[in-house]
Amino acid sequence: MSLNRFEQTLYDYVRGHAEERQYWHDKVRAIVGESIDTPAGVSRLDSELWRYYEERSAVVPAFGDTERGPALRRTSMKNLAELLIRLWTDPKPANRAPPEPDIDG
């Protein structure tokens, strides 16, 4: 999976800070638990990650290599959301059709 530079910066930051990692781990699990389907969870997490990125970019020097300030334009965090869901949640069982009865006997 390829992350854009904003996603990669945020991912590296969260991985390097235990409290932030625990916060996002719990948040990801809660969002997935509340979502009816994975795309809804990804969409919600994408929005939450972007809001967090905006907040942190104003105060964290690690975000200095990315575009900062009022001109910061919304960038997708969908790949990062999908990665965190994949890493931090149990896979949901696939909805498989029940086996068809054996009509030969």
PDB file of N, CA and C in Angstrom:
ATOM      1  N   MET A   1       0.849  -1.166   0.000  1.00  0.00           N
ATOM      2  CA  MET A   1       0.000   0.000   0.000  1.00  0.00           C
ATOM      3  C   MET A   1       0.900   1.236   0.000  1.00  0.00           C
ATOM      4  N   SER A   2       0.551   2.174  -0.813  1.00  0.00           N
ATOM      5  CA  SER A   2       1.329   3.405  -0.925  1.00  0.00           C
ATOM      6  C   SER A   2       0.593   4.547  -0.222  1.00  0.00           C
ATOM      7  N   LEU A   3       1.316   5.229   0.658  1.00  0.00           N
ATOM      8  CA  LEU A   3       0.742   6.370   1.372  1.00  0.00           C
ATOM      9  C   LEU A   3       1.256   7.656   0.742  1.00  0.00           C
ATOM     10  N   ASN A   4       0.396   8.691   0.674  1.00  0.00           N
ATOM     11  CA  ASN A   4       0.881   9.986   0.211  1.00  0.00           C
ATOM     12  C   ASN A   4       1.735  10.606   1.317  1.00  0.00           C
ATOM     13  N   ARG A   5       2.396  11.698   1.028  1.00  0.00           N
ATOM     14  CA  ARG A   5       3.354  12.248   2.001  1.00  0.00           C
ATOM     15  C   ARG A   5       2.686  12.715   3.288  1.00  0.00           C
ATOM     16  N   PHE A   6       1.445  13.165   3.210  1.00  0.00           N
ATOM     17  CA  PHE A   6       0.723  13.582   4.410  1.00  0.00           C
ATOM     18  C   PHE A   6       0.399  12.369   5.275  1.00  0.00           C
ATOM     19  N   GLU A   7      -0.090  11.314   4.625  1.00  0.00           N
ATOM     20  CA  GLU A   7      -0.393  10.077   5.337  1.00  0.00           C
ATOM     21  C   GLU A   7       0.869   9.480   5.961  1.00  0.00           C
ATOM     22  N   GLN A   8       1.947   9.470   5.207  1.00  0.00           N
ATOM     23  CA  GLN A   8       3.190   8.895   5.708  1.00  0.00           C
ATOM     24  C   GLN A   8       3.713   9.677   6.909  1.00  0.00           C
ATOM     25  N   THR A   9       3.631  11.009   6.839  1.00  0.00           N
ATOM     26  CA  THR A   9       4.071  11.844   7.958  1.00  0.00           C
ATOM     27  C   THR A   9       3.253  11.533   9.206  1.00  0.00           C
ATOM     28  N   LEU A  10       1.943  11.445   9.037  1.00  0.00           N
ATOM     29  CA  LEU A  10       1.072  11.163  10.177  1.00  0.00           C
ATOM     30  C   LEU A  10       1.308   9.754  10.709  1.00  0.00           C
ATOM     31  N   TYR A  11       1.459   8.793   9.828  1.00  0.00           N
ATOM     32  CA  TYR A  11       1.704   7.410  10.247  1.00  0.00           C
ATOM     33  C   TYR A  11       3.011   7.308  11.034  1.00  0.00           C
ATOM     34  N   ASP A  12       4.069   7.925  10.529  1.00  0.00           N
ATOM     35  CA  ASP A  12       5.353   7.908  11.224  1.00  0.00           C
ATOM     36  C   ASP A  12       5.255   8.576  12.595  1.00  0.00           C
ATOM     37  N   TYR A  13       4.522   9.668  12.664  1.00  0.00           N
ATOM     38  CA  TYR A  13       4.352  10.384  13.926  1.00  0.00           C
ATOM     39  C   TYR A  13       3.615   9.514  14.946  1.00  0.00           C
ATOM     40  N   VAL A  14       2.524   8.915  14.518  1.00  0.00           N
ATOM     41  CA  VAL A  14       1.728   8.073  15.428  1.00  0.00           C
ATOM     42  C   VAL A  14       2.536   6.856  15.875  1.00  0.00           C
ATOM     43  N   ARG A  15       3.269   6.235  14.959  1.00  0.00           N
ATOM     44  CA  ARG A  15       4.097   5.077  15.325  1.00  0.00           C
ATOM     45  C   ARG A  15       5.178   5.439  16.331  1.00  0.00           C
ATOM     46  N   GLY A  16       5.685   6.671  16.265  1.00  0.00           N
ATOM     47  CA  GLY A  16       6.778   7.078  17.135  1.00  0.00           C
ATOM     48  C   GLY A  16       6.361   7.628  18.480  1.00  0.00           C
ATOM     49  N   HIS A  17       5.062   7.747  18.738  1.00  0.00           N
ATOM     50  CA  HIS A  17       4.559   8.297  20.001  1.00  0.00           C
ATOM     51  C   HIS A  17       3.532   7.338  20.591  1.00  0.00           C
ATOM     52  N   ALA A  18       3.925   6.663  21.656  1.00  0.00           N
ATOM     53  CA  ALA A  18       3.095   5.594  22.235  1.00  0.00           C
ATOM     54  C   ALA A  18       1.690   6.061  22.613  1.00  0.00           C
ATOM     55  N   GLU A  19       1.574   7.242  23.214  1.00  0.00           N
ATOM     56  CA  GLU A  19       0.247   7.721  23.620  1.00  0.00           C
ATOM     57  C   GLU A  19      -0.635   7.991  22.410  1.00  0.00           C
ATOM     58  N   GLU A  20      -0.056   8.578  21.378  1.00  0.00           N
ATOM     59  CA  GLU A  20      -0.812   8.847  20.151  1.00  0.00           C
ATOM     60  C   GLU A  20      -1.221   7.528  19.489  1.00  0.00           C
ATOM     61  N   ARG A  21      -0.296   6.582  19.449  1.00  0.00           N
ATOM     62  CA  ARG A  21      -0.580   5.277  18.851  1.00  0.00           C
ATOM     63  C   ARG A  21      -1.724   4.580  19.579  1.00  0.00           C
ATOM     64  N   GLN A  22      -1.699   4.618  20.908  1.00  0.00           N
ATOM     65  CA  GLN A  22      -2.767   3.984  21.682  1.00  0.00           C
ATOM     66  C   GLN A  22      -4.106   4.679  21.449  1.00  0.00           C
ATOM     67  N   TYR A  23      -4.069   6.009  21.395  1.00  0.00           N
ATOM     68  CA  TYR A  23      -5.291   6.782  21.127  1.00  0.00           C
ATOM     69  C   TYR A  23      -5.894   6.362  19.783  1.00  0.00           C
ATOM     70  N   TRP A  24      -5.064   6.314  18.732  1.00  0.00           N
ATOM     71  CA  TRP A  24      -5.572   5.971  17.406  1.00  0.00           C
ATOM     72  C   TRP A  24      -5.949   4.501  17.309  1.00  0.00           C
ATOM     73  N   HIS A  25      -5.222   3.658  17.990  1.00  0.00           N
ATOM     74  CA  HIS A  25      -5.584   2.233  18.009  1.00  0.00           C
ATOM     75  C   HIS A  25      -7.004   2.076  18.560  1.00  0.00           C
ATOM     76  N   ASP A  26      -7.269   2.697  19.697  1.00  0.00           N
ATOM     77  CA  ASP A  26      -8.597   2.615  20.311  1.00  0.00           C
ATOM     78  C   ASP A  26      -9.660   3.261  19.423  1.00  0.00           C
ATOM     79  N   LYS A  27      -9.315   4.393  18.819  1.00  0.00           N
ATOM     80  CA  LYS A  27     -10.266   5.105  17.967  1.00  0.00           C
ATOM     81  C   LYS A  27     -10.622   4.278  16.723  1.00  0.00           C
ATOM     82  N   VAL A  28      -9.621   3.691  16.098  1.00  0.00           N
ATOM     83  CA  VAL A  28      -9.861   2.855  14.918  1.00  0.00           C
ATOM     84  C   VAL A  28     -10.784   1.695  15.271  1.00  0.00           C
ATOM     85  N   ARG A  29     -10.483   1.028  16.371  1.00  0.00           N
ATOM     86  CA  ARG A  29     -11.313  -0.114  16.775  1.00  0.00           C
ATOM     87  C   ARG A  29     -12.752   0.322  17.093  1.00  0.00           C
ATOM     88  N   ALA A  30     -12.905   1.487  17.716  1.00  0.00           N
ATOM     89  CA  ALA A  30     -14.245   1.993  18.033  1.00  0.00           C
ATOM     90  C   ALA A  30     -15.011   2.345  16.761  1.00  0.00           C
ATOM     91  N   ILE A  31     -14.360   3.013  15.833  1.00  0.00           N
ATOM     92  CA  ILE A  31     -15.030   3.401  14.589  1.00  0.00           C
ATOM     93  C   ILE A  31     -15.453   2.170  13.804  1.00  0.00           C
ATOM     94  N   VAL A  32     -14.586   1.194  13.700  1.00  0.00           N
ATOM     95  CA  VAL A  32     -14.926  -0.026  12.969  1.00  0.00           C
ATOM     96  C   VAL A  32     -16.052  -0.767  13.675  1.00  0.00           C
ATOM     97  N   GLY A  33     -16.028  -0.773  15.002  1.00  0.00           N
ATOM     98  CA  GLY A  33     -17.084  -1.434  15.761  1.00  0.00           C
ATOM     99  C   GLY A  33     -18.447  -0.773  15.595  1.00  0.00           C
ATOM    100  N   GLU A  34     -18.455   0.545  15.376  1.00  0.00           N
ATOM    101  CA  GLU A  34     -19.704   1.293  15.210  1.00  0.00           C
ATOM    102  C   GLU A  34     -20.213   1.282  13.776  1.00  0.00           C
ATOM    103  N   SER A  35     -19.350   0.996  12.817  1.00  0.00           N
ATOM    104  CA  SER A  35     -19.716   1.086  11.402  1.00  0.00           C
ATOM    105  C   SER A  35     -20.435  -0.171  10.945  1.00  0.00           C
ATOM    106  N   ILE A  36     -21.421   0.038  10.108  1.00  0.00           N
ATOM    107  CA  ILE A  36     -22.162  -1.074   9.540  1.00  0.00           C
ATOM    108  C   ILE A  36     -21.310  -1.806   8.517  1.00  0.00           C
ATOM    109  N   ASP A  37     -20.514  -1.039   7.757  1.00  0.00           N
ATOM    110  CA  ASP A  37     -19.651  -1.651   6.757  1.00  0.00           C
ATOM    111  C   ASP A  37     -18.282  -0.976   6.744  1.00  0.00           C
ATOM    112  N   THR A  38     -17.331  -1.627   6.145  1.00  0.00           N
ATOM    113  CA  THR A  38     -15.966  -1.117   6.123  1.00  0.00           C
ATOM    114  C   THR A  38     -15.842   0.215   5.389  1.00  0.00           C
ATOM    115  N   PRO A  39     -16.476   0.412   4.231  1.00  0.00           N
ATOM    116  CA  PRO A  39     -16.344   1.715   3.558  1.00  0.00           C
ATOM    117  C   PRO A  39     -16.818   2.885   4.421  1.00  0.00           C
ATOM    118  N   ALA A  40     -17.848   2.697   5.209  1.00  0.00           N
ATOM    119  CA  ALA A  40     -18.321   3.756   6.097  1.00  0.00           C
ATOM    120  C   ALA A  40     -17.280   4.045   7.170  1.00  0.00           C
ATOM    121  N   GLY A  41     -16.656   3.013   7.695  1.00  0.00           N
ATOM    122  CA  GLY A  41     -15.607   3.186   8.695  1.00  0.00           C
ATOM    123  C   GLY A  41     -14.395   3.882   8.111  1.00  0.00           C
ATOM    124  N   VAL A  42     -14.012   3.510   6.884  1.00  0.00           N
ATOM    125  CA  VAL A  42     -12.870   4.146   6.213  1.00  0.00           C
ATOM    126  C   VAL A  42     -13.158   5.622   5.994  1.00  0.00           C
ATOM    127  N   SER A  43     -14.353   5.941   5.536  1.00  0.00           N
ATOM    128  CA  SER A  43     -14.729   7.334   5.284  1.00  0.00           C
ATOM    129  C   SER A  43     -14.680   8.167   6.561  1.00  0.00           C
ATOM    130  N   ARG A  44     -15.229   7.635   7.621  1.00  0.00           N
ATOM    131  CA  ARG A  44     -15.220   8.360   8.898  1.00  0.00           C
ATOM    132  C   ARG A  44     -13.794   8.532   9.421  1.00  0.00           C
ATOM    133  N   LEU A  45     -13.004   7.484   9.353  1.00  0.00           N
ATOM    134  CA  LEU A  45     -11.631   7.552   9.820  1.00  0.00           C
ATOM    135  C   LEU A  45     -10.803   8.508   8.963  1.00  0.00           C
ATOM    136  N   ASP A  46     -11.044   8.523   7.663  1.00  0.00           N
ATOM    137  CA  ASP A  46     -10.380   9.455   6.749  1.00  0.00           C
ATOM    138  C   ASP A  46     -10.596  10.897   7.224  1.00  0.00           C
ATOM    139  N   SER A  47     -11.829  11.235   7.542  1.00  0.00           N
ATOM    140  CA  SER A  47     -12.152  12.593   8.021  1.00  0.00           C
ATOM    141  C   SER A  47     -11.484  12.896   9.355  1.00  0.00           C
ATOM    142  N   GLU A  48     -11.513  11.948  10.265  1.00  0.00           N
ATOM    143  CA  GLU A  48     -10.905  12.135  11.587  1.00  0.00           C
ATOM    144  C   GLU A  48      -9.388  12.315  11.478  1.00  0.00           C
ATOM    145  N   LEU A  49      -8.762  11.520  10.627  1.00  0.00           N
ATOM    146  CA  LEU A  49      -7.314  11.623  10.445  1.00  0.00           C
ATOM    147  C   LEU A  49      -6.931  12.976   9.850  1.00  0.00           C
ATOM    148  N   TRP A  50      -7.732  13.473   8.896  1.00  0.00           N
ATOM    149  CA  TRP A  50      -7.417  14.772   8.307  1.00  0.00           C
ATOM    150  C   TRP A  50      -7.556  15.891   9.342  1.00  0.00           C
ATOM    151  N   ARG A  51      -8.596  15.860  10.139  1.00  0.00           N
ATOM    152  CA  ARG A  51      -8.759  16.885  11.191  1.00  0.00           C
ATOM    153  C   ARG A  51      -7.572  16.842  12.152  1.00  0.00           C
ATOM    154  N   TYR A  52      -7.152  15.661  12.504  1.00  0.00           N
ATOM    155  CA  TYR A  52      -6.006  15.498  13.394  1.00  0.00           C
ATOM    156  C   TYR A  52      -4.735  16.027  12.727  1.00  0.00           C
ATOM    157  N   TYR A  53      -4.577  15.726  11.454  1.00  0.00           N
ATOM    158  CA  TYR A  53      -3.402  16.208  10.725  1.00  0.00           C
ATOM    159  C   TYR A  53      -3.368  17.739  10.726  1.00  0.00           C
ATOM    160  N   GLU A  54      -4.487  18.366  10.457  1.00  0.00           N
ATOM    161  CA  GLU A  54      -4.556  19.834  10.465  1.00  0.00           C
ATOM    162  C   GLU A  54      -4.156  20.386  11.831  1.00  0.00           C
ATOM    163  N   GLU A  55      -4.705  19.793  12.879  1.00  0.00           N
ATOM    164  CA  GLU A  55      -4.404  20.246  14.236  1.00  0.00           C
ATOM    165  C   GLU A  55      -2.916  20.102  14.546  1.00  0.00           C
ATOM    166  N   ARG A  56      -2.367  18.935  14.284  1.00  0.00           N
ATOM    167  CA  ARG A  56      -0.968  18.681  14.614  1.00  0.00           C
ATOM    168  C   ARG A  56      -0.010  19.491  13.741  1.00  0.00           C
ATOM    169  N   SER A  57      -0.369  19.768  12.505  1.00  0.00           N
ATOM    170  CA  SER A  57       0.533  20.488  11.610  1.00  0.00           C
ATOM    171  C   SER A  57       0.813  21.909  12.085  1.00  0.00           C
ATOM    172  N   ALA A  58      -0.054  22.440  12.918  1.00  0.00           N
ATOM    173  CA  ALA A  58       0.142  23.795  13.437  1.00  0.00           C
ATOM    174  C   ALA A  58       1.161  23.831  14.578  1.00  0.00           C
ATOM    175  N   VAL A  59       1.437  22.676  15.206  1.00  0.00           N
ATOM    176  CA  VAL A  59       2.283  22.690  16.400  1.00  0.00           C
ATOM    177  C   VAL A  59       3.426  21.681  16.422  1.00  0.00           C
ATOM    178  N   VAL A  60       3.448  20.742  15.512  1.00  0.00           N
ATOM    179  CA  VAL A  60       4.457  19.689  15.543  1.00  0.00           C
ATOM    180  C   VAL A  60       5.487  19.916  14.440  1.00  0.00           C
ATOM    181  N   PRO A  61       6.753  20.105  14.820  1.00  0.00           N
ATOM    182  CA  PRO A  61       7.794  20.344  13.819  1.00  0.00           C
ATOM    183  C   PRO A  61       7.941  19.205  12.797  1.00  0.00           C
ATOM    184  N   ALA A  62       7.616  17.982  13.168  1.00  0.00           N
ATOM    185  CA  ALA A  62       7.735  16.854  12.238  1.00  0.00           C
ATOM    186  C   ALA A  62       6.868  17.040  10.996  1.00  0.00           C
ATOM    187  N   PHE A  63       5.864  17.890  11.089  1.00  0.00           N
ATOM    188  CA  PHE A  63       4.964  18.138   9.972  1.00  0.00           C
ATOM    189  C   PHE A  63       5.454  19.303   9.118  1.00  0.00           C
ATOM    190  N   GLY A  64       6.617  19.826   9.422  1.00  0.00           N
ATOM    191  CA  GLY A  64       7.142  21.002   8.745  1.00  0.00           C
ATOM    192  C   GLY A  64       7.483  20.790   7.281  1.00  0.00           C
ATOM    193  N   ASP A  65       7.730  19.556   6.847  1.00  0.00           N
ATOM    194  CA  ASP A  65       8.074  19.300   5.460  1.00  0.00           C
ATOM    195  C   ASP A  65       6.857  19.288   4.550  1.00  0.00           C
ATOM    196  N   THR A  66       5.681  19.348   5.136  1.00  0.00           N
ATOM    197  CA  THR A  66       4.471  19.382   4.329  1.00  0.00           C
ATOM    198  C   THR A  66       3.927  20.794   4.323  1.00  0.00           C
ATOM    199  N   GLU A  67       2.990  21.046   3.447  1.00  0.00           N
ATOM    200  CA  GLU A  67       2.416  22.388   3.350  1.00  0.00           C
ATOM    201  C   GLU A  67       1.654  22.710   4.620  1.00  0.00           C
ATOM    202  N   ARG A  68       2.051  23.776   5.295  1.00  0.00           N
ATOM    203  CA  ARG A  68       1.422  24.151   6.556  1.00  0.00           C
ATOM    204  C   ARG A  68       0.670  25.458   6.401  1.00  0.00           C
ATOM    205  N   GLY A  69      -0.071  25.777   7.423  1.00  0.00           N
ATOM    206  CA  GLY A  69      -0.722  27.078   7.492  1.00  0.00           C
ATOM    207  C   GLY A  69      -2.113  27.077   6.903  1.00  0.00           C
ATOM    208  N   PRO A  70      -2.674  28.286   6.735  1.00  0.00           N
ATOM    209  CA  PRO A  70      -4.057  28.397   6.283  1.00  0.00           C
ATOM    210  C   PRO A  70      -4.267  27.884   4.861  1.00  0.00           C
ATOM    211  N   ALA A  71      -3.198  27.756   4.076  1.00  0.00           N
ATOM    212  CA  ALA A  71      -3.330  27.282   2.705  1.00  0.00           C
ATOM    213  C   ALA A  71      -3.354  25.758   2.608  1.00  0.00           C
ATOM    214  N   LEU A  72      -3.304  25.063   3.727  1.00  0.00           N
ATOM    215  CA  LEU A  72      -3.316  23.606   3.733  1.00  0.00           C
ATOM    216  C   LEU A  72      -4.618  23.115   3.107  1.00  0.00           C
ATOM    217  N   ARG A  73      -4.485  22.369   2.016  1.00  0.00           N
ATOM    218  CA  ARG A  73      -5.660  21.871   1.304  1.00  0.00           C
ATOM    219  C   ARG A  73      -5.954  20.435   1.708  1.00  0.00           C
ATOM    220  N   ARG A  74      -7.221  20.123   1.766  1.00  0.00           N
ATOM    221  CA  ARG A  74      -7.677  18.790   2.157  1.00  0.00           C
ATOM    222  C   ARG A  74      -7.041  17.738   1.264  1.00  0.00           C
ATOM    223  N   THR A  75      -6.450  16.760   1.895  1.00  0.00           N
ATOM    224  CA  THR A  75      -5.816  15.647   1.204  1.00  0.00           C
ATOM    225  C   THR A  75      -6.404  14.352   1.749  1.00  0.00           C
ATOM    226  N   SER A  76      -6.612  13.415   0.883  1.00  0.00           N
ATOM    227  CA  SER A  76      -7.192  12.138   1.289  1.00  0.00           C
ATOM    228  C   SER A  76      -6.298  11.401   2.275  1.00  0.00           C
ATOM    229  N   MET A  77      -6.927  10.828   3.270  1.00  0.00           N
ATOM    230  CA  MET A  77      -6.249   9.969   4.231  1.00  0.00           C
ATOM    231  C   MET A  77      -6.829   8.550   4.140  1.00  0.00           C
ATOM    232  N   LYS A  78      -7.454   8.258   2.995  1.00  0.00           N
ATOM    233  CA  LYS A  78      -8.141   6.983   2.825  1.00  0.00           C
ATOM    234  C   LYS A  78      -7.176   5.796   2.912  1.00  0.00           C
ATOM    235  N   ASN A  79      -6.020   5.899   2.256  1.00  0.00           N
ATOM    236  CA  ASN A  79      -5.072   4.770   2.304  1.00  0.00           C
ATOM    237  C   ASN A  79      -4.586   4.514   3.724  1.00  0.00           C
ATOM    238  N   LEU A  80      -4.324   5.592   4.460  1.00  0.00           N
ATOM    239  CA  LEU A  80      -3.900   5.435   5.851  1.00  0.00           C
ATOM    240  C   LEU A  80      -5.031   4.839   6.679  1.00  0.00           C
ATOM    241  N   ALA A  81      -6.254   5.288   6.453  1.00  0.00           N
ATOM    242  CA  ALA A  81      -7.399   4.733   7.175  1.00  0.00           C
ATOM    243  C   ALA A  81      -7.515   3.234   6.917  1.00  0.00           C
ATOM    244  N   GLU A  82      -7.398   2.834   5.658  1.00  0.00           N
ATOM    245  CA  GLU A  82      -7.486   1.408   5.322  1.00  0.00           C
ATOM    246  C   GLU A  82      -6.348   0.619   5.952  1.00  0.00           C
ATOM    247  N   LEU A  83      -5.144   1.187   5.950  1.00  0.00           N
ATOM    248  CA  LEU A  83      -4.000   0.506   6.552  1.00  0.00           C
ATOM    249  C   LEU A  83      -4.205   0.307   8.052  1.00  0.00           C
ATOM    250  N   LEU A  84      -4.632   1.352   8.745  1.00  0.00           N
ATOM    251  CA  LEU A  84      -4.834   1.242  10.197  1.00  0.00           C
ATOM    252  C   LEU A  84      -5.932   0.246  10.531  1.00  0.00           C
ATOM    253  N   ILE A  85      -6.975   0.235   9.744  1.00  0.00           N
ATOM    254  CA  ILE A  85      -8.052  -0.740   9.962  1.00  0.00           C
ATOM    255  C   ILE A  85      -7.509  -2.151   9.771  1.00  0.00           C
ATOM    256  N   ARG A  86      -6.721  -2.352   8.733  1.00  0.00           N
ATOM    257  CA  ARG A  86      -6.152  -3.671   8.460  1.00  0.00           C
ATOM    258  C   ARG A  86      -5.195  -4.107   9.568  1.00  0.00           C
ATOM    259  N   LEU A  87      -4.399  -3.157  10.077  1.00  0.00           N
ATOM    260  CA  LEU A  87      -3.416  -3.492  11.104  1.00  0.00           C
ATOM    261  C   LEU A  87      -4.026  -3.707  12.484  1.00  0.00           C
ATOM    262  N   TRP A  88      -5.040  -2.934  12.817  1.00  0.00           N
ATOM    263  CA  TRP A  88      -5.486  -2.863  14.200  1.00  0.00           C
ATOM    264  C   TRP A  88      -6.860  -3.472  14.479  1.00  0.00           C
ATOM    265  N   THR A  89      -7.469  -4.095  13.512  1.00  0.00           N
ATOM    266  CA  THR A  89      -8.760  -4.737  13.771  1.00  0.00           C
ATOM    267  C   THR A  89      -8.729  -6.168  13.271  1.00  0.00           C
ATOM    268  N   ASP A  90      -9.614  -6.958  13.817  1.00  0.00           N
ATOM    269  CA  ASP A  90      -9.757  -8.334  13.364  1.00  0.00           C
ATOM    270  C   ASP A  90     -10.525  -8.324  12.052  1.00  0.00           C
ATOM    271  N   PRO A  91     -10.122  -9.156  11.113  1.00  0.00           N
ATOM    272  CA  PRO A  91     -10.860  -9.191   9.846  1.00  0.00           C
ATOM    273  C   PRO A  91     -12.281  -9.680  10.080  1.00  0.00           C
ATOM    274  N   LYS A  92     -13.204  -9.037   9.375  1.00  0.00           N
ATOM    275  CA  LYS A  92     -14.599  -9.477   9.472  1.00  0.00           C
ATOM    276  C   LYS A  92     -14.776 -10.701   8.590  1.00  0.00           C
ATOM    277  N   PRO A  93     -15.548 -11.685   9.063  1.00  0.00           N
ATOM    278  CA  PRO A  93     -15.753 -12.876   8.236  1.00  0.00           C
ATOM    279  C   PRO A  93     -16.517 -12.513   6.971  1.00  0.00           C
ATOM    280  N   ALA A  94     -16.148 -13.141   5.892  1.00  0.00           N
ATOM    281  CA  ALA A  94     -16.832 -12.900   4.620  1.00  0.00           C
ATOM    282  C   ALA A  94     -18.237 -13.477   4.684  1.00  0.00           C
ATOM    283  N   ASN A  95     -19.153 -12.788   4.051  1.00  0.00           N
ATOM    284  CA  ASN A  95     -20.523 -13.289   3.972  1.00  0.00           C
ATOM    285  C   ASN A  95     -20.578 -14.321   2.852  1.00  0.00           C
ATOM    286  N   ARG A  96     -20.534 -15.550   3.244  1.00  0.00           N
ATOM    287  CA  ARG A  96     -20.551 -16.636   2.264  1.00  0.00           C
ATOM    288  C   ARG A  96     -21.923 -17.285   2.268  1.00  0.00           C
ATOM    289  N   ALA A  97     -22.309 -17.687   1.091  1.00  0.00           N
ATOM    290  CA  ALA A  97     -23.589 -18.386   0.961  1.00  0.00           C
ATOM    291  C   ALA A  97     -23.465 -19.757   1.616  1.00  0.00           C
ATOM    292  N   PRO A  98     -24.517 -20.201   2.275  1.00  0.00           N
ATOM    293  CA  PRO A  98     -24.459 -21.535   2.878  1.00  0.00           C
ATOM    294  C   PRO A  98     -24.308 -22.594   1.781  1.00  0.00           C
ATOM    295  N   PRO A  99     -23.689 -23.721   2.108  1.00  0.00           N
ATOM    296  CA  PRO A  99     -23.512 -24.768   1.087  1.00  0.00           C
ATOM    297  C   PRO A  99     -24.861 -25.263   0.594  1.00  0.00           C
ATOM    298  N   GLU A 100     -24.902 -25.547  -0.677  1.00  0.00           N
ATOM    299  CA  GLU A 100     -26.158 -26.062  -1.257  1.00  0.00           C
ATOM    300  C   GLU A 100     -26.323 -27.525  -0.861  1.00  0.00           C
ATOM    301  N   PRO A 101     -27.573 -27.928  -0.610  1.00  0.00           N
ATOM    302  CA  PRO A 101     -27.788 -29.323  -0.222  1.00  0.00           C
ATOM    303  C   PRO A 101     -27.424 -30.272  -1.368  1.00  0.00           C
ATOM    304  N   ASP A 102     -26.955 -31.427  -0.985  1.00  0.00           N
ATOM    305  CA  ASP A 102     -26.588 -32.454  -1.956  1.00  0.00           C
ATOM    306  C   ASP A 102     -27.872 -33.126  -2.428  1.00  0.00           C
ATOM    307  N   ILE A 103     -28.196 -32.947  -3.703  1.00  0.00           N
ATOM    308  CA  ILE A 103     -29.474 -33.505  -4.215  1.00  0.00           C
ATOM    309  C   ILE A 103     -29.310 -34.952  -4.708  1.00  0.00           C
ATOM    310  N   ASP A 104     -28.077 -35.423  -4.735  1.00  0.00           N
ATOM    311  CA  ASP A 104     -27.851 -36.792  -5.212  1.00  0.00           C
ATOM    312  C   ASP A 104     -27.957 -37.834  -4.100  1.00  0.00           C
ATOM    313  N   GLY A 105     -28.155 -37.351  -2.938  1.00  0.00           N
ATOM    314  CA  GLY A 105     -28.314 -38.398  -1.976  1.00  0.00           C
ATOM    315  C   GLY A 105     -27.702 -38.163  -0.705  1.00  0.00           C
TER     316      GLY A 105
END
